[in-house]
Amino acid sequence: MQSELIKNVTNDGSWIIDTDDTMREIRSHGTGDFPFQCYSELFDWRYNIGDIGWHWHRELEFVLVQEGAIEYQAGDRVVSLKKGDCAMINSGVIHHGGMHNAGEKWCRFINFLFLPELVAPGNSAIYRKYVEPALDSGADVIVFNRDIPWRKRICEWLENLWNICRTAESMPELQIHINVCNLWLELAAHVNEYREQPKTDRNIVMQARLRKMMQFVWENYTERISADDIAGAANISQSAALRCFRAGTNMSPVEYLNDYRLRCAKEKLLTTHSMISEIALSVGFESVGYFNRLFKREFGMTPRQFIQQETSCKK
């Protein structure tokens, strides 16, 4: 049973996930009569840089970091997880994981995926009263820091779940189900502590389009690109692209592009000795004056003042 419950994944590049046109992961997790799967994963970035591609699934995903650190983007949130941290990615939320900004060369972590119906049947009072409120909380991702008692208990239930998957020889499915229900008891009891304002639009198609356009920006921000180019990455009109970005980021496509360029420029100002004009051009700004104005509006100081401040702080 252990081999059926646990899948080992070693990644020294990008983990390609098969998805449909909406970025829904095609692979199922677990079986039809027991929709639960545990993945023991080792990402080693000493040989290559990679990540888990954008995808979504109906299953809830819980992450337990054992060594190193990893960064997840789920919905419109980015969270960094280090050794001992745990998180839940909600059902139906488009997400990806990577270590581009995690500051570590490798990461060992456990993923637990299961359908909400593992807790209780979808037509039951338990599901309606205690499962749906968590699914509909508006939270794309919840981080369970150990300084808050109930969140610490979630981490402990995940650690216990991992031990069951590894070692249980008798009735593992029943033990897993009991453990998952205990974990869910904590989530249900504290739903008001992580409930967020409802998203403007949680439509999966809109999320998928937004991620495709964001990916296009990340890969092409150094080039001359327009709002029409960004919309074209998702095969939609400029007006539809504007609605996607407004709903998901509260920015227009061009505002998002400039924001991404500014943050890349800020990183280069911190880590290189290049001239400000060279950095502006390297991240896609054709006018240094325009770059300076946007930088000051975003960060409250000019690029030169930012460099001077960082230099004085290091002395």
Protein backbone atom coordinates (compact mmCIF):
# COMPACT_ATOMS: atom_id res chain seq x y z
CA MET A 1 0.00 0.00 0.00
CA GLN A 2 2.85 2.40 0.77
CA SER A 3 4.02 2.39 -2.86
CA GLU A 4 0.49 3.22 -3.95
CA LEU A 5 0.10 6.09 -1.48
CA ILE A 6 3.52 7.69 -2.01
CA LYS A 7 5.03 8.81 -5.28
CA ASN A 8 8.65 10.00 -5.29
CA VAL A 9 9.59 12.87 -7.59
CA THR A 10 13.14 14.11 -8.15
CA ASN A 11 13.36 17.29 -10.18
CA ASP A 12 16.52 18.79 -11.64
CA GLY A 13 14.67 20.93 -14.16
CA SER A 14 11.10 21.98 -14.86
CA TRP A 15 8.36 19.57 -13.91
CA ILE A 16 6.06 19.55 -16.93
CA ILE A 17 2.43 19.04 -15.93
CA ASP A 18 -0.07 17.94 -18.55
CA THR A 19 -2.97 20.39 -18.60
CA ASP A 20 -5.97 21.20 -20.77
CA ASP A 21 -6.75 24.59 -22.34
CA THR A 22 -7.81 26.01 -18.97
CA MET A 23 -4.57 24.82 -17.25
CA ARG A 24 -6.47 22.10 -15.39
CA GLU A 25 -4.13 19.23 -14.57
CA ILE A 26 -5.17 16.15 -16.50
CA ARG A 27 -3.59 13.61 -14.16
CA SER A 28 -5.79 12.33 -11.35
CA HIS A 29 -4.48 11.92 -7.80
CA GLY A 30 -5.33 8.74 -5.96
CA THR A 31 -8.13 6.47 -7.13
CA GLY A 32 -11.84 6.84 -7.72
CA ASP A 33 -12.68 5.09 -4.46
CA PHE A 34 -9.88 6.74 -2.44
CA PRO A 35 -8.99 10.18 -3.91
CA PHE A 36 -5.78 10.76 -1.95
CA GLN A 37 -2.14 10.88 -3.05
CA CYS A 38 1.10 11.77 -1.31
CA TYR A 39 4.17 12.99 -3.22
CA SER A 40 7.67 13.05 -1.75
CA GLU A 41 9.57 15.60 -3.84
CA LEU A 42 13.19 16.66 -4.12
CA PHE A 43 14.04 19.68 -6.24
CA ASP A 44 17.75 20.15 -6.83
CA TRP A 45 18.69 23.49 -8.37
CA ARG A 46 22.46 22.90 -8.36
CA TYR A 47 22.14 21.37 -11.81
CA ASN A 48 19.36 23.39 -13.36
CA ILE A 49 16.68 25.94 -12.53
CA GLY A 50 13.12 24.81 -12.86
CA ASP A 51 9.70 24.94 -11.30
CA ILE A 52 6.28 23.36 -11.20
CA GLY A 53 4.31 24.77 -14.13
CA TRP A 54 1.04 26.65 -13.80
CA HIS A 55 -1.91 24.34 -13.20
CA TRP A 56 -5.02 23.79 -11.12
CA HIS A 57 -7.05 20.85 -9.90
CA ARG A 58 -10.14 20.14 -7.82
CA GLU A 59 -8.01 18.46 -5.19
CA LEU A 60 -6.87 20.44 -2.18
CA GLU A 61 -3.09 20.58 -1.98
CA PHE A 62 -1.18 20.67 1.30
CA VAL A 63 2.57 21.33 1.31
CA LEU A 64 5.02 20.37 4.07
CA VAL A 65 8.61 21.61 3.62
CA GLN A 66 11.18 19.28 5.16
CA GLU A 67 14.44 20.90 4.02
CA GLY A 68 15.40 24.03 2.09
CA ALA A 69 12.82 26.53 0.87
CA ILE A 70 10.37 27.01 -1.98
CA GLU A 71 8.14 29.81 -3.28
CA TYR A 72 4.55 29.33 -4.39
CA GLN A 73 2.29 31.64 -6.32
CA ALA A 74 -1.37 30.75 -5.87
CA GLY A 75 -4.03 32.99 -7.32
CA ASP A 76 -2.82 36.52 -6.69
CA ARG A 77 -0.60 35.68 -3.70
CA VAL A 78 3.08 34.76 -3.46
CA VAL A 79 4.24 32.88 -0.36
CA SER A 80 7.70 31.67 0.63
CA LEU A 81 7.92 28.43 2.61
CA LYS A 82 11.00 27.30 4.51
CA LYS A 83 11.85 24.20 6.53
CA GLY A 84 8.96 23.30 8.83
CA ASP A 85 6.41 25.54 7.09
CA CYS A 86 3.12 24.20 5.78
CA ALA A 87 0.50 25.61 3.44
CA MET A 88 -2.80 24.75 1.79
CA ILE A 89 -3.63 25.66 -1.81
CA ASN A 90 -7.37 25.82 -2.22
CA SER A 91 -9.40 23.77 -4.67
CA GLY A 92 -9.63 25.28 -8.15
CA VAL A 93 -6.84 27.83 -7.66
CA ILE A 94 -4.24 28.17 -10.42
CA HIS A 95 -0.76 27.93 -8.90
CA HIS A 96 2.86 27.08 -9.46
CA GLY A 97 5.92 26.52 -7.32
CA GLY A 98 9.58 27.32 -7.80
CA MET A 99 12.76 28.49 -6.17
CA HIS A 100 13.77 31.48 -8.28
CA ASN A 101 13.59 33.72 -5.23
CA ALA A 102 13.77 31.13 -2.46
CA GLY A 103 17.48 31.59 -1.76
CA GLU A 104 18.19 27.85 -1.54
CA LYS A 105 19.83 25.39 -3.91
CA TRP A 106 17.55 22.50 -3.16
CA CYS A 107 14.28 21.68 -1.43
CA ARG A 108 12.69 18.52 -0.06
CA PHE A 109 8.96 18.74 0.51
CA ILE A 110 5.82 16.63 0.72
CA ASN A 111 2.62 17.30 -1.22
CA PHE A 112 -0.68 15.83 -0.08
CA LEU A 113 -3.54 16.02 -2.58
CA PHE A 114 -7.09 14.90 -1.95
CA LEU A 115 -10.58 15.76 -3.11
CA PRO A 116 -12.79 17.64 -0.63
CA GLU A 117 -15.17 14.69 -0.77
CA LEU A 118 -12.60 12.63 1.14
CA VAL A 119 -13.71 14.54 4.24
CA ALA A 120 -17.42 13.89 3.62
CA PRO A 121 -19.76 13.17 0.67
CA GLY A 122 -20.69 16.25 -1.32
CA ASN A 123 -24.42 15.85 -0.59
CA SER A 124 -23.96 15.52 3.17
CA ALA A 125 -24.67 18.00 5.96
CA ILE A 126 -21.02 17.74 7.04
CA TYR A 127 -19.85 18.84 3.60
CA ARG A 128 -22.35 21.70 3.46
CA LYS A 129 -21.64 22.98 6.98
CA TYR A 130 -17.91 22.37 7.38
CA VAL A 131 -16.26 21.77 4.01
CA GLU A 132 -17.88 24.33 1.72
CA PRO A 133 -17.15 27.34 4.02
CA ALA A 134 -13.42 26.62 3.77
CA LEU A 135 -13.55 26.08 0.02
CA ASP A 136 -15.53 29.32 -0.40
CA SER A 137 -13.44 31.33 2.07
CA GLY A 138 -11.83 33.35 -0.72
CA ALA A 139 -8.37 32.22 0.44
CA ASP A 140 -6.21 31.06 -2.47
CA VAL A 141 -3.44 29.86 -0.17
CA ILE A 142 -3.14 29.59 3.62
CA VAL A 143 0.25 29.42 5.33
CA PHE A 144 0.36 27.58 8.64
CA ASN A 145 3.00 29.25 10.79
CA ARG A 146 3.83 27.43 13.99
CA ASP A 147 3.56 30.49 16.25
CA ILE A 148 -0.26 30.24 16.20
CA PRO A 149 -1.53 27.16 18.10
CA TRP A 150 -4.19 25.96 15.68
CA ARG A 151 -1.92 26.48 12.66
CA LYS A 152 0.82 24.59 14.45
CA ARG A 153 -1.61 21.72 14.95
CA ILE A 154 -2.27 21.68 11.19
CA CYS A 155 1.48 21.22 10.64
CA GLU A 156 1.53 18.43 13.20
CA TRP A 157 -1.39 16.65 11.51
CA LEU A 158 0.47 16.88 8.18
CA GLU A 159 3.61 15.42 9.75
CA ASN A 160 1.50 12.63 11.22
CA LEU A 161 -0.12 12.08 7.83
CA TRP A 162 3.33 11.69 6.27
CA ASN A 163 4.28 9.11 8.90
CA ILE A 164 1.11 7.16 8.16
CA CYS A 165 1.84 7.17 4.44
CA ARG A 166 5.38 5.94 5.06
CA THR A 167 4.88 3.34 7.74
CA ALA A 168 1.26 2.25 8.15
CA GLU A 169 0.87 -1.47 7.57
CA SER A 170 -2.63 -1.85 8.96
CA MET A 171 -5.70 -0.05 7.59
CA PRO A 172 -3.76 2.90 6.05
CA GLU A 173 -6.81 4.33 4.25
CA LEU A 174 -8.79 4.49 7.50
CA GLN A 175 -5.88 6.08 9.36
CA ILE A 176 -5.44 8.65 6.57
CA HIS A 177 -9.15 9.45 6.59
CA ILE A 178 -9.19 9.96 10.36
CA ASN A 179 -6.10 12.16 10.16
CA VAL A 180 -7.53 14.26 7.31
CA CYS A 181 -10.76 14.75 9.27
CA ASN A 182 -8.81 15.90 12.34
CA LEU A 183 -6.88 18.33 10.16
CA TRP A 184 -10.14 19.58 8.68
CA LEU A 185 -11.62 20.05 12.12
CA GLU A 186 -8.98 22.74 12.73
CA LEU A 187 -9.66 24.41 9.38
CA ALA A 188 -13.42 24.42 9.89
CA ALA A 189 -13.16 25.77 13.44
CA HIS A 190 -11.03 28.74 12.38
CA VAL A 191 -12.47 29.58 8.96
CA ASN A 192 -13.22 33.17 10.02
CA GLU A 193 -9.51 33.72 10.70
CA TYR A 194 -8.50 33.14 7.08
CA ARG A 195 -11.67 34.21 5.29
CA GLU A 196 -10.96 36.89 2.69
CA GLN A 197 -13.08 39.23 0.64
CA PRO A 198 -14.61 37.35 -2.31
CA LYS A 199 -12.52 37.69 -5.45
CA THR A 200 -13.94 39.92 -8.16
CA ASP A 201 -13.95 36.94 -10.49
CA ARG A 202 -12.74 33.41 -9.69
CA ASN A 203 -13.69 32.07 -13.12
CA ILE A 204 -11.18 29.38 -14.10
CA VAL A 205 -11.06 30.49 -17.74
CA MET A 206 -10.27 34.06 -16.68
CA GLN A 207 -7.57 32.82 -14.29
CA ALA A 208 -6.00 30.72 -17.04
CA ARG A 209 -5.97 33.61 -19.47
CA LEU A 210 -4.42 35.88 -16.87
CA ARG A 211 -1.64 33.37 -16.10
CA LYS A 212 -0.83 32.98 -19.81
CA MET A 213 -0.52 36.74 -20.19
CA MET A 214 1.54 37.08 -17.03
CA GLN A 215 3.84 34.31 -18.25
CA PHE A 216 4.24 36.20 -21.54
CA VAL A 217 5.26 39.33 -19.64
CA TRP A 218 7.80 37.41 -17.53
CA GLU A 219 9.38 35.90 -20.64
CA ASN A 220 9.33 39.00 -22.85
CA TYR A 221 9.52 42.05 -20.56
CA THR A 222 12.95 43.03 -21.91
CA GLU A 223 11.49 43.48 -25.42
CA ARG A 224 9.23 46.13 -26.88
CA ILE A 225 5.76 44.70 -26.23
CA SER A 226 2.33 46.30 -26.32
CA ALA A 227 -1.04 45.71 -24.68
CA ASP A 228 -2.10 44.00 -27.89
CA ASP A 229 0.89 41.63 -27.68
CA ILE A 230 -0.03 40.75 -24.10
CA ALA A 231 -3.66 40.07 -25.03
CA GLY A 232 -2.48 37.96 -27.97
CA ALA A 233 -0.68 35.60 -25.58
CA ALA A 234 -4.13 34.43 -24.44
CA ASN A 235 -5.81 34.86 -27.84
CA ILE A 236 -8.24 37.46 -26.51
CA SER A 237 -9.05 41.11 -27.24
CA GLN A 238 -7.44 44.05 -25.45
CA SER A 239 -10.70 44.76 -23.64
CA ALA A 240 -10.94 41.17 -22.39
CA ALA A 241 -7.29 41.32 -21.31
CA LEU A 242 -8.02 44.51 -19.39
CA ARG A 243 -10.90 42.81 -17.55
CA CYS A 244 -8.67 39.86 -16.64
CA PHE A 245 -5.90 42.06 -15.26
CA ARG A 246 -8.31 44.37 -13.40
CA ALA A 247 -9.99 41.37 -11.76
CA GLY A 248 -6.78 39.54 -10.89
CA THR A 249 -4.25 42.28 -10.17
CA ASN A 250 -6.13 45.61 -9.99
CA MET A 251 -3.82 46.82 -12.77
CA SER A 252 -4.05 47.23 -16.52
CA PRO A 253 -1.80 45.00 -18.67
CA VAL A 254 0.61 47.88 -19.28
CA GLU A 255 0.65 48.81 -15.60
CA TYR A 256 1.48 45.21 -14.74
CA LEU A 257 4.25 45.16 -17.36
CA ASN A 258 5.79 48.36 -15.97
CA ASP A 259 5.46 47.10 -12.40
CA TYR A 260 7.26 43.87 -13.31
CA ARG A 261 10.00 45.79 -15.12
CA LEU A 262 10.47 48.10 -12.14
CA ARG A 263 10.89 45.19 -9.74
CA CYS A 264 13.41 43.53 -12.05
CA ALA A 265 15.27 46.84 -12.27
CA LYS A 266 15.24 47.20 -8.49
CA GLU A 267 16.84 43.76 -8.16
CA LYS A 268 19.54 44.72 -10.68
CA LEU A 269 20.25 47.96 -8.83
CA LEU A 270 20.90 45.84 -5.74
CA THR A 271 22.99 43.13 -7.35
CA THR A 272 24.95 44.73 -10.21
CA HIS A 273 27.20 47.71 -10.76
CA SER A 274 25.66 48.63 -14.11
CA MET A 275 24.76 52.21 -14.93
CA ILE A 276 21.17 53.25 -14.28
CA SER A 277 20.63 53.91 -17.98
CA GLU A 278 21.89 50.41 -18.85
CA ILE A 279 19.58 48.82 -16.29
CA ALA A 280 16.59 50.79 -17.58
CA LEU A 281 17.23 49.58 -21.13
CA SER A 282 17.90 45.99 -20.00
CA VAL A 283 14.43 45.66 -18.46
CA GLY A 284 12.60 47.13 -21.44
CA PHE A 285 12.36 50.87 -20.76
CA GLU A 286 13.36 52.86 -23.84
CA SER A 287 13.39 56.19 -21.98
CA VAL A 288 15.57 56.62 -18.90
CA GLY A 289 13.56 59.68 -17.86
CA TYR A 290 10.33 57.67 -17.97
CA PHE A 291 12.00 54.90 -15.97
CA ASN A 292 13.14 57.40 -13.31
CA ARG A 293 9.63 58.88 -13.00
CA LEU A 294 7.94 55.50 -12.65
CA PHE A 295 10.57 54.27 -10.19
CA LYS A 296 10.13 57.31 -7.95
CA ARG A 297 6.34 57.03 -8.09
CA GLU A 298 6.50 53.33 -7.14
CA PHE A 299 9.25 53.37 -4.50
CA GLY A 300 9.25 56.98 -3.27
CA MET A 301 12.78 57.77 -4.47
CA THR A 302 14.80 57.93 -7.66
CA PRO A 303 17.00 54.98 -8.68
CA ARG A 304 20.10 56.96 -7.69
CA GLN A 305 18.66 57.75 -4.26
CA PHE A 306 17.77 54.07 -3.87
CA ILE A 307 21.37 53.02 -4.61
CA GLN A 308 22.71 55.61 -2.17
CA GLN A 309 20.34 54.43 0.56
CA GLU A 310 21.28 50.78 0.07
CA THR A 311 24.98 51.62 0.03
CA SER A 312 24.75 53.59 3.30
CA CYS A 313 22.82 50.75 4.97
CA LYS A 314 25.59 48.28 4.15
CA LYS A 315 28.31 50.45 5.71
